C-alpha atoms as a PDB file:
ATOM      1  CA  MET A   1       0.000   0.000   0.000  1.00  0.00           C
ATOM      2  CA  ILE A   2       2.791   2.413   0.875  1.00  0.00           C
ATOM      3  CA  LEU A   3       4.664   1.458  -2.293  1.00  0.00           C
ATOM      4  CA  HIS A   4       1.546   2.247  -4.318  1.00  0.00           C
ATOM      5  CA  HIS A   5       1.365   5.638  -2.587  1.00  0.00           C
ATOM      6  CA  VAL A   6       5.021   6.329  -3.416  1.00  0.00           C
ATOM      7  CA  PHE A   7       4.539   5.430  -7.097  1.00  0.00           C
ATOM      8  CA  THR A   8       1.403   7.574  -7.323  1.00  0.00           C
ATOM      9  CA  ILE A   9       3.203  10.609  -5.930  1.00  0.00           C
ATOM     10  CA  ALA A  10       6.280  10.001  -8.091  1.00  0.00           C
ATOM     11  CA  GLY A  11       4.078   9.761 -11.175  1.00  0.00           C
ATOM     12  CA  ALA A  12       2.258  12.973 -10.341  1.00  0.00           C
ATOM     13  CA  VAL A  13       5.492  14.854  -9.698  1.00  0.00           C
ATOM     14  CA  SER A  14       7.137  13.590 -12.881  1.00  0.00           C
ATOM     15  CA  SER A  15       4.096  14.414 -15.020  1.00  0.00           C
ATOM     16  CA  CYS A  16       3.957  17.949 -13.612  1.00  0.00           C
ATOM     17  CA  ALA A  17       7.680  18.365 -14.187  1.00  0.00           C
ATOM     18  CA  ALA A  18       7.356  17.130 -17.759  1.00  0.00           C
ATOM     19  CA  ALA A  19       4.425  19.452 -18.436  1.00  0.00           C
ATOM     20  CA  SER A  20       6.181  22.495 -17.027  1.00  0.00           C
ATOM     21  CA  ALA A  21       9.562  21.754 -18.625  1.00  0.00           C
ATOM     22  CA  GLY A  22       8.491  23.005 -22.035  1.00  0.00           C
ATOM     23  CA  THR A  23       6.897  26.229 -20.882  1.00  0.00           C
ATOM     24  CA  SER A  24       8.399  29.360 -19.456  1.00  0.00           C
ATOM     25  CA  ARG A  25       6.624  31.363 -16.788  1.00  0.00           C
ATOM     26  CA  GLU A  26       6.754  34.615 -18.737  1.00  0.00           C
ATOM     27  CA  GLY A  27       5.273  33.135 -21.892  1.00  0.00           C
ATOM     28  CA  PHE A  28       2.604  31.221 -20.038  1.00  0.00           C
ATOM     29  CA  SER A  29       1.423  34.078 -17.844  1.00  0.00           C
ATOM     30  CA  GLY A  30       1.625  36.547 -20.718  1.00  0.00           C
ATOM     31  CA  GLU A  31      -1.031  34.673 -22.682  1.00  0.00           C
ATOM     32  CA  LEU A  32      -3.488  34.379 -19.810  1.00  0.00           C
ATOM     33  CA  LYS A  33      -6.375  36.809 -19.768  1.00  0.00           C
ATOM     34  CA  SER A  34      -6.828  37.374 -16.080  1.00  0.00           C
ATOM     35  CA  TYR A  35      -7.749  40.000 -13.538  1.00  0.00           C
ATOM     36  CA  VAL A  36      -4.875  38.851 -11.315  1.00  0.00           C
ATOM     37  CA  ARG A  37      -1.615  40.760 -11.580  1.00  0.00           C
ATOM     38  CA  GLU A  38       1.507  38.743 -12.396  1.00  0.00           C
ATOM     39  CA  GLU A  39       3.058  39.448  -8.983  1.00  0.00           C
ATOM     40  CA  ASP A  40      -0.109  38.276  -7.227  1.00  0.00           C
ATOM     41  CA  GLY A  41      -0.298  35.224  -9.473  1.00  0.00           C
ATOM     42  CA  SER A  42       3.264  34.347  -8.580  1.00  0.00           C
ATOM     43  CA  LEU A  43       2.430  34.640  -4.880  1.00  0.00           C
ATOM     44  CA  ILE A  44      -0.676  32.480  -5.313  1.00  0.00           C
ATOM     45  CA  LEU A  45       1.370  29.783  -7.067  1.00  0.00           C
ATOM     46  CA  LYS A  46       4.009  29.875  -4.322  1.00  0.00           C
ATOM     47  CA  LEU A  47       1.337  29.539  -1.634  1.00  0.00           C
ATOM     48  CA  ALA A  48      -0.326  26.668  -3.500  1.00  0.00           C
ATOM     49  CA  GLY A  49       3.036  24.939  -3.885  1.00  0.00           C
ATOM     50  CA  GLY A  50       3.800  25.401  -0.203  1.00  0.00           C
ATOM     51  CA  LEU A  51       0.397  24.003   0.722  1.00  0.00           C
ATOM     52  CA  SER A  52       0.989  20.996  -1.530  1.00  0.00           C
ATOM     53  CA  ILE A  53       4.352  20.325   0.114  1.00  0.00           C
ATOM     54  CA  LEU A  54       2.777  20.676   3.561  1.00  0.00           C
ATOM     55  CA  ILE A  55       0.023  18.187   2.697  1.00  0.00           C
ATOM     56  CA  PHE A  56       2.615  15.786   1.253  1.00  0.00           C
ATOM     57  CA  CYS A  57       4.674  15.941   4.462  1.00  0.00           C
ATOM     58  CA  LEU A  58       1.591  15.510   6.651  1.00  0.00           C
ATOM     59  CA  GLU A  59       0.587  12.431   4.650  1.00  0.00           C
ATOM     60  CA  TRP A  60       3.967  10.856   5.338  1.00  0.00           C
ATOM     61  CA  VAL A  61       3.798  11.746   9.028  1.00  0.00           C
ATOM     62  CA  VAL A  62       0.389  10.081   9.269  1.00  0.00           C
ATOM     63  CA  LEU A  63       1.589   7.011   7.338  1.00  0.00           C
ATOM     64  CA  THR A  64       4.637   6.687   9.596  1.00  0.00           C
ATOM     65  CA  LEU A  65       2.537   7.108  12.730  1.00  0.00           C
ATOM     66  CA  ALA A  66       0.030   4.516  11.498  1.00  0.00           C
ATOM     67  CA  PHE A  67       2.850   2.084  10.735  1.00  0.00           C
ATOM     68  CA  PHE A  68       4.400   2.408  14.188  1.00  0.00           C
ATOM     69  CA  LEU A  69       1.043   2.172  15.952  1.00  0.00           C
ATOM     70  CA  LYS A  70       0.196  -0.972  13.989  1.00  0.00           C
ATOM     71  CA  TYR A  71       3.682  -2.389  14.627  1.00  0.00           C
ATOM     72  CA  TYR A  72       3.551  -1.793  18.380  1.00  0.00           C
ATOM     73  CA  ALA A  73       0.029  -3.215  18.546  1.00  0.00           C
ATOM     74  CA  HIS A  74       1.285  -6.318  16.745  1.00  0.00           C
ATOM     75  CA  VAL A  75       4.331  -6.648  19.032  1.00  0.00           C
ATOM     76  CA  ASP A  76       2.161  -6.288  22.130  1.00  0.00           C
ATOM     77  CA  GLY A  77      -0.120  -9.038  20.802  1.00  0.00           C
ATOM     78  CA  GLY A  78      -3.117  -6.856  20.047  1.00  0.00           C
ATOM     79  CA  PHE A  79      -3.735  -7.795  16.423  1.00  0.00           C
END
């Protein structure tokens, strides 16, 4: 299950990296018709990226905690 989670995340990261490799930020944001200024858009993307990293780290903390709780329950003879 954890290996499946790792491969899913690795696939998502590699697909995003491949999609963004061919585009430059200036060209991409220059073609968008938006009411958001470029500086604000950059801040929004940084905040969204930070939130994604935070969620990723929290997922791994929860997975690690669940593993150790299950392990100690098994060692103590609970399950």
